[in-house]
N, C-alpha and C. Protein backbone atom coordinates (compact mmCIF):
# COMPACT_ATOMS: atom_id res chain seq x y z
N UNK A 1 0.84 -1.17 0.00
CA UNK A 1 0.00 0.00 0.00
C UNK A 1 0.89 1.24 0.00
N UNK A 2 0.65 2.12 -0.90
CA UNK A 2 1.47 3.32 -0.95
C UNK A 2 0.72 4.48 -0.34
N UNK A 3 1.45 5.37 0.31
CA UNK A 3 0.84 6.53 0.94
C UNK A 3 0.09 6.16 2.20
N UNK A 4 -0.61 7.12 2.74
CA UNK A 4 -1.42 6.85 3.93
C UNK A 4 -2.86 7.23 3.64
N UNK A 5 -3.71 7.03 4.61
CA UNK A 5 -5.14 7.28 4.42
C UNK A 5 -5.41 8.72 4.05
N UNK A 6 -4.63 9.66 4.60
CA UNK A 6 -4.89 11.08 4.31
C UNK A 6 -4.68 11.39 2.84
N UNK A 7 -3.87 10.59 2.13
CA UNK A 7 -3.72 10.81 0.70
C UNK A 7 -4.86 10.17 -0.08
N UNK A 8 -5.54 9.23 0.54
CA UNK A 8 -6.65 8.55 -0.12
C UNK A 8 -7.97 9.28 0.08
N UNK A 9 -8.11 9.97 1.20
CA UNK A 9 -9.35 10.66 1.54
C UNK A 9 -9.08 12.16 1.55
N UNK A 10 -9.72 12.91 0.67
CA UNK A 10 -9.49 14.35 0.66
C UNK A 10 -10.07 15.00 1.93
N UNK A 11 -9.42 16.05 2.41
CA UNK A 11 -9.94 16.71 3.61
C UNK A 11 -11.29 17.36 3.33
N UNK A 12 -12.13 17.38 4.36
CA UNK A 12 -13.44 18.03 4.23
C UNK A 12 -13.25 19.54 4.21
N UNK A 13 -13.86 20.19 3.26
CA UNK A 13 -13.72 21.63 3.16
C UNK A 13 -15.04 22.34 3.35
N UNK A 14 -16.10 21.58 3.53
CA UNK A 14 -17.39 22.23 3.70
C UNK A 14 -17.86 22.06 5.15
N UNK A 15 -18.72 22.94 5.55
CA UNK A 15 -19.26 22.88 6.90
C UNK A 15 -20.31 21.78 6.97
N UNK A 16 -20.23 20.99 8.02
CA UNK A 16 -21.21 19.93 8.24
C UNK A 16 -22.24 20.42 9.24
N UNK A 17 -23.51 20.11 9.01
CA UNK A 17 -24.56 20.57 9.88
C UNK A 17 -25.22 19.41 10.61
N UNK A 18 -25.72 19.70 11.77
CA UNK A 18 -26.37 18.72 12.63
C UNK A 18 -27.69 18.27 11.99
N UNK A 19 -27.94 16.96 12.00
CA UNK A 19 -29.19 16.45 11.43
C UNK A 19 -30.40 16.85 12.28
N UNK A 20 -30.20 16.96 13.59
CA UNK A 20 -31.29 17.33 14.49
C UNK A 20 -31.55 18.83 14.50
N UNK A 21 -30.46 19.60 14.41
CA UNK A 21 -30.55 21.07 14.42
C UNK A 21 -29.85 21.59 13.16
N UNK A 22 -30.55 21.60 12.02
CA UNK A 22 -29.92 21.93 10.73
C UNK A 22 -29.25 23.30 10.64
N UNK A 23 -29.59 24.20 11.53
CA UNK A 23 -28.95 25.52 11.48
C UNK A 23 -27.66 25.55 12.30
N UNK A 24 -27.35 24.48 13.00
CA UNK A 24 -26.15 24.43 13.86
C UNK A 24 -25.06 23.59 13.20
N UNK A 25 -23.83 24.05 13.34
CA UNK A 25 -22.69 23.31 12.82
C UNK A 25 -22.46 22.04 13.65
N UNK A 26 -22.26 20.94 12.98
CA UNK A 26 -21.97 19.67 13.66
C UNK A 26 -20.45 19.58 13.83
N UNK A 27 -19.97 20.09 14.96
CA UNK A 27 -18.53 20.13 15.18
C UNK A 27 -18.05 19.06 16.15
N UNK A 28 -18.97 18.17 16.54
CA UNK A 28 -18.63 17.08 17.45
C UNK A 28 -19.08 15.75 16.86
N UNK A 29 -18.41 14.69 17.27
CA UNK A 29 -18.78 13.35 16.83
C UNK A 29 -19.10 12.52 18.06
N UNK A 30 -20.31 12.00 18.13
CA UNK A 30 -20.72 11.14 19.24
C UNK A 30 -20.24 9.73 18.92
N UNK A 31 -19.25 9.27 19.68
CA UNK A 31 -18.70 7.94 19.46
C UNK A 31 -19.68 6.86 19.91
N UNK A 32 -20.52 7.17 20.86
CA UNK A 32 -21.52 6.21 21.35
C UNK A 32 -22.56 5.93 20.26
N UNK A 33 -23.04 6.96 19.61
CA UNK A 33 -24.10 6.83 18.60
C UNK A 33 -23.58 6.77 17.17
N UNK A 34 -22.28 7.05 16.99
CA UNK A 34 -21.67 7.05 15.66
C UNK A 34 -22.35 8.07 14.75
N UNK A 35 -22.44 9.32 15.24
CA UNK A 35 -23.05 10.37 14.43
C UNK A 35 -22.49 11.74 14.77
N UNK A 36 -22.57 12.64 13.78
CA UNK A 36 -22.15 14.02 13.98
C UNK A 36 -23.23 14.75 14.76
N UNK A 37 -22.81 15.59 15.70
CA UNK A 37 -23.76 16.32 16.52
C UNK A 37 -23.28 17.76 16.74
N UNK A 38 -24.19 18.60 17.19
CA UNK A 38 -23.85 19.97 17.57
C UNK A 38 -23.77 20.06 19.09
N UNK A 39 -23.39 21.20 19.58
CA UNK A 39 -23.26 21.38 21.03
C UNK A 39 -24.61 21.31 21.75
N UNK A 40 -25.68 21.71 21.08
CA UNK A 40 -27.01 21.60 21.69
C UNK A 40 -27.38 20.14 21.95
N UNK A 41 -26.97 19.26 21.05
CA UNK A 41 -27.28 17.84 21.20
C UNK A 41 -26.63 17.23 22.44
N UNK A 42 -25.47 17.74 22.82
CA UNK A 42 -24.79 17.22 24.01
C UNK A 42 -25.66 17.40 25.24
N UNK A 43 -26.26 18.55 25.36
CA UNK A 43 -27.06 18.87 26.54
C UNK A 43 -28.33 18.03 26.58
N UNK A 44 -28.93 17.80 25.44
CA UNK A 44 -30.24 17.16 25.42
C UNK A 44 -30.17 15.64 25.30
N UNK A 45 -29.57 15.13 24.27
CA UNK A 45 -29.65 13.71 23.97
C UNK A 45 -28.39 12.93 24.31
N UNK A 46 -27.24 13.53 24.11
CA UNK A 46 -25.96 12.82 24.20
C UNK A 46 -25.18 13.13 25.47
N UNK A 47 -25.86 13.55 26.48
CA UNK A 47 -25.27 14.02 27.73
C UNK A 47 -24.25 13.05 28.34
N UNK A 48 -24.57 11.78 28.42
CA UNK A 48 -23.69 10.80 29.06
C UNK A 48 -22.90 9.97 28.05
N UNK A 49 -22.86 10.41 26.82
CA UNK A 49 -22.17 9.67 25.76
C UNK A 49 -20.71 10.09 25.65
N UNK A 50 -19.95 9.27 24.94
CA UNK A 50 -18.56 9.60 24.63
C UNK A 50 -18.57 10.40 23.32
N UNK A 51 -17.97 11.57 23.33
CA UNK A 51 -17.90 12.39 22.12
C UNK A 51 -16.60 13.16 22.10
N UNK A 52 -16.25 13.65 20.92
CA UNK A 52 -15.01 14.41 20.74
C UNK A 52 -15.20 15.34 19.55
N UNK A 53 -14.29 16.27 19.39
CA UNK A 53 -14.31 17.16 18.23
C UNK A 53 -14.11 16.34 16.96
N UNK A 54 -14.67 16.77 15.87
CA UNK A 54 -14.61 16.03 14.62
C UNK A 54 -13.16 15.75 14.18
N UNK A 55 -12.25 16.72 14.18
CA UNK A 55 -10.88 16.41 13.74
C UNK A 55 -10.19 15.34 14.60
N UNK A 56 -10.42 15.37 15.90
CA UNK A 56 -9.81 14.38 16.78
C UNK A 56 -10.42 13.00 16.54
N UNK A 57 -11.72 12.95 16.36
CA UNK A 57 -12.38 11.68 16.08
C UNK A 57 -11.94 11.12 14.73
N UNK A 58 -11.77 12.00 13.75
CA UNK A 58 -11.28 11.57 12.44
C UNK A 58 -9.90 10.93 12.59
N UNK A 59 -9.02 11.58 13.35
CA UNK A 59 -7.66 11.05 13.54
C UNK A 59 -7.70 9.68 14.22
N UNK A 60 -8.57 9.52 15.20
CA UNK A 60 -8.70 8.21 15.87
C UNK A 60 -9.17 7.14 14.90
N UNK A 61 -10.19 7.45 14.11
CA UNK A 61 -10.73 6.48 13.16
C UNK A 61 -9.73 6.17 12.05
N UNK A 62 -8.98 7.18 11.64
CA UNK A 62 -7.94 6.97 10.63
C UNK A 62 -6.92 5.97 11.13
N UNK A 63 -6.50 6.10 12.38
CA UNK A 63 -5.53 5.18 12.97
C UNK A 63 -6.09 3.76 13.01
N UNK A 64 -7.35 3.62 13.38
CA UNK A 64 -7.98 2.30 13.42
C UNK A 64 -7.96 1.65 12.03
N UNK A 65 -8.28 2.44 11.01
CA UNK A 65 -8.30 1.92 9.64
C UNK A 65 -6.90 1.52 9.20
N UNK A 66 -5.94 2.39 9.41
CA UNK A 66 -4.56 2.10 9.01
C UNK A 66 -4.04 0.85 9.74
N UNK A 67 -4.29 0.76 11.03
CA UNK A 67 -3.85 -0.40 11.80
C UNK A 67 -4.53 -1.69 11.34
N UNK A 68 -5.79 -1.59 10.96
CA UNK A 68 -6.50 -2.79 10.52
C UNK A 68 -6.03 -3.26 9.15
N UNK A 69 -5.45 -2.37 8.35
CA UNK A 69 -4.95 -2.75 7.03
C UNK A 69 -3.54 -3.33 7.07
N UNK A 70 -2.81 -3.11 8.13
CA UNK A 70 -1.43 -3.57 8.21
C UNK A 70 -1.27 -5.07 7.97
N UNK A 71 -2.13 -5.92 8.52
CA UNK A 71 -1.96 -7.36 8.29
C UNK A 71 -2.12 -7.78 6.82
N UNK A 72 -2.80 -6.98 6.02
CA UNK A 72 -3.04 -7.37 4.63
C UNK A 72 -2.33 -6.46 3.63
N UNK A 73 -1.39 -5.66 4.09
CA UNK A 73 -0.69 -4.72 3.18
C UNK A 73 -0.03 -5.44 2.03
N UNK A 74 0.63 -6.56 2.29
CA UNK A 74 1.31 -7.29 1.22
C UNK A 74 0.32 -7.79 0.18
N UNK A 75 -0.82 -8.28 0.61
CA UNK A 75 -1.83 -8.77 -0.32
C UNK A 75 -2.41 -7.64 -1.14
N UNK A 76 -2.57 -6.47 -0.55
CA UNK A 76 -3.10 -5.32 -1.28
C UNK A 76 -2.11 -4.85 -2.34
N UNK A 77 -0.80 -4.91 -2.05
CA UNK A 77 0.22 -4.44 -2.96
C UNK A 77 0.35 -5.33 -4.20
N UNK A 78 -0.08 -6.58 -4.10
CA UNK A 78 0.08 -7.49 -5.24
C UNK A 78 -1.12 -7.51 -6.12
């Protein structure tokens, strides 16, 4: 496999909006529910959930993907 995931996935350049509150920017990722949320959602629905900022969550998920591909890198290259 050549390069890393960041070369395979272009960075997001547009603003993402919350599905529950369409006028609010979805700047958080609820790891418990696996969805993008806004700060209002934390107070109401996701209060006791695990969440993080979108860039940090992206970095965590990127690492999981890269690590999961390591065992099959040779097979992918052929």
